[in-house]
C-alpha atoms as a PDB file:
ATOM      1  CA  MET A   1    -174.731 -68.218 282.484  1.00  0.00           C
ATOM      2  CA  ASP A   2    -176.559 -66.938 279.438  1.00  0.00           C
ATOM      3  CA  THR A   3    -174.990 -66.557 276.020  1.00  0.00           C
ATOM      4  CA  CYS A   4    -176.062 -63.543 273.969  1.00  0.00           C
ATOM      5  CA  LEU A   5    -175.386 -62.644 270.368  1.00  0.00           C
ATOM      6  CA  ILE A   6    -174.999 -58.917 269.830  1.00  0.00           C
ATOM      7  CA  GLU A   7    -174.427 -56.655 266.856  1.00  0.00           C
ATOM      8  CA  LEU A   8    -172.074 -53.747 267.374  1.00  0.00           C
ATOM      9  CA  THR A   9    -173.457 -50.523 265.934  1.00  0.00           C
ATOM     10  CA  ASN A  10    -170.760 -48.167 267.192  1.00  0.00           C
ATOM     11  CA  ASN A  11    -166.961 -48.415 267.030  1.00  0.00           C
ATOM     12  CA  ASN A  12    -166.711 -47.616 270.734  1.00  0.00           C
ATOM     13  CA  ALA A  13    -168.809 -50.681 271.588  1.00  0.00           C
ATOM     14  CA  CYS A  14    -165.952 -53.057 270.769  1.00  0.00           C
ATOM     15  CA  ARG A  15    -163.589 -51.181 273.065  1.00  0.00           C
ATOM     16  CA  LEU A  16    -166.187 -51.216 275.850  1.00  0.00           C
ATOM     17  CA  LEU A  17    -166.714 -54.965 275.462  1.00  0.00           C
ATOM     18  CA  LYS A  18    -162.976 -55.578 275.638  1.00  0.00           C
ATOM     19  CA  ASP A  19    -162.835 -53.479 278.829  1.00  0.00           C
ATOM     20  CA  LEU A  20    -165.644 -55.579 280.330  1.00  0.00           C
ATOM     21  CA  GLU A  21    -163.748 -58.724 279.414  1.00  0.00           C
ATOM     22  CA  ASP A  22    -160.596 -57.365 281.080  1.00  0.00           C
ATOM     23  CA  LEU A  23    -162.645 -56.813 284.245  1.00  0.00           C
ATOM     24  CA  ASN A  24    -163.834 -60.468 284.083  1.00  0.00           C
ATOM     25  CA  ILE A  25    -167.452 -59.353 283.744  1.00  0.00           C
ATOM     26  CA  ILE A  26    -168.009 -60.944 280.335  1.00  0.00           C
ATOM     27  CA  LYS A  27    -166.161 -63.375 278.080  1.00  0.00           C
ATOM     28  CA  ILE A  28    -166.015 -62.750 274.339  1.00  0.00           C
ATOM     29  CA  LEU A  29    -166.558 -66.113 272.664  1.00  0.00           C
ATOM     30  CA  ARG A  30    -166.049 -65.142 269.045  1.00  0.00           C
ATOM     31  CA  ARG A  31    -165.256 -62.069 267.080  1.00  0.00           C
ATOM     32  CA  GLY A  32    -167.064 -61.421 263.773  1.00  0.00           C
ATOM     33  CA  ARG A  33    -163.993 -60.426 261.763  1.00  0.00           C
ATOM     34  CA  ASP A  34    -161.943 -63.407 262.967  1.00  0.00           C
ATOM     35  CA  GLN A  35    -164.721 -65.817 262.124  1.00  0.00           C
ATOM     36  CA  LYS A  36    -165.152 -64.424 258.604  1.00  0.00           C
ATOM     37  CA  ASP A  37    -161.439 -64.841 257.915  1.00  0.00           C
ATOM     38  CA  GLU A  38    -161.538 -68.527 258.880  1.00  0.00           C
ATOM     39  CA  GLN A  39    -164.408 -69.449 256.556  1.00  0.00           C
ATOM     40  CA  PRO A  40    -163.563 -70.589 253.046  1.00  0.00           C
ATOM     41  CA  ALA A  41    -164.788 -68.564 250.098  1.00  0.00           C
ATOM     42  CA  GLY A  42    -168.323 -69.272 248.913  1.00  0.00           C
ATOM     43  CA  ASN A  43    -171.532 -70.134 250.692  1.00  0.00           C
ATOM     44  CA  ALA A  44    -170.759 -73.778 251.432  1.00  0.00           C
ATOM     45  CA  GLY A  45    -168.366 -72.949 254.282  1.00  0.00           C
ATOM     46  CA  GLN A  46    -171.054 -71.418 256.457  1.00  0.00           C
ATOM     47  CA  PHE A  47    -173.134 -74.628 256.343  1.00  0.00           C
ATOM     48  CA  ARG A  48    -170.322 -77.157 256.747  1.00  0.00           C
ATOM     49  CA  GLY A  49    -171.086 -79.551 259.609  1.00  0.00           C
ATOM     50  CA  GLU A  50    -174.495 -78.048 260.353  1.00  0.00           C
ATOM     51  CA  LEU A  51    -176.581 -81.150 259.586  1.00  0.00           C
ATOM     52  CA  ASN A  52    -175.103 -83.292 262.388  1.00  0.00           C
ATOM     53  CA  LEU A  53    -175.693 -86.513 260.459  1.00  0.00           C
ATOM     54  CA  SER A  54    -174.578 -89.982 261.469  1.00  0.00           C
ATOM     55  CA  ASP A  55    -172.152 -91.754 259.126  1.00  0.00           C
ATOM     56  CA  GLU A  56    -174.980 -93.788 257.590  1.00  0.00           C
ATOM     57  CA  GLN A  57    -177.201 -90.731 257.098  1.00  0.00           C
ATOM     58  CA  TYR A  58    -174.274 -88.858 255.528  1.00  0.00           C
ATOM     59  CA  LYS A  59    -173.603 -91.675 253.044  1.00  0.00           C
ATOM     60  CA  ASP A  60    -177.310 -91.859 252.150  1.00  0.00           C
ATOM     61  CA  PHE A  61    -177.394 -88.109 251.624  1.00  0.00           C
ATOM     62  CA  GLN A  62    -174.315 -88.194 249.383  1.00  0.00           C
ATOM     63  CA  THR A  63    -175.783 -91.057 247.319  1.00  0.00           C
ATOM     64  CA  HIS A  64    -179.081 -89.215 246.945  1.00  0.00           C
ATOM     65  CA  SER A  65    -177.254 -86.015 245.920  1.00  0.00           C
ATOM     66  CA  LYS A  66    -175.303 -87.853 243.208  1.00  0.00           C
ATOM     67  CA  ASN A  67    -178.481 -89.501 241.913  1.00  0.00           C
ATOM     68  CA  ILE A  68    -180.461 -86.294 241.597  1.00  0.00           C
ATOM     69  CA  ARG A  69    -177.537 -84.527 239.901  1.00  0.00           C
ATOM     70  CA  GLY A  70    -177.620 -87.233 237.242  1.00  0.00           C
ATOM     71  CA  GLU A  71    -181.234 -86.369 236.501  1.00  0.00           C
ATOM     72  CA  TRP A  72    -180.429 -82.772 235.505  1.00  0.00           C
ATOM     73  CA  PRO A  73    -180.051 -82.038 231.794  1.00  0.00           C
ATOM     74  CA  LYS A  74    -176.439 -81.755 230.643  1.00  0.00           C
ATOM     75  CA  SER A  75    -177.128 -78.975 228.127  1.00  0.00           C
ATOM     76  CA  ILE A  76    -177.484 -76.177 230.677  1.00  0.00           C
END
């Protein structure tokens, strides 16, 4: 089976997709409005978990992030 990402450009398209799902022709995996509601406010939520780092890589990344933040001037 192939997975396709589509953008609905007409209000009737959603109804048609739901009809196709009822006929067991397609399966709707995620709905855009539902997904937006689940994400926390801000940009960070959309990237959470996207790096797929090991525990060691994550700790190294966090240490590096703290170090470079310390290099920024405090007067900004």
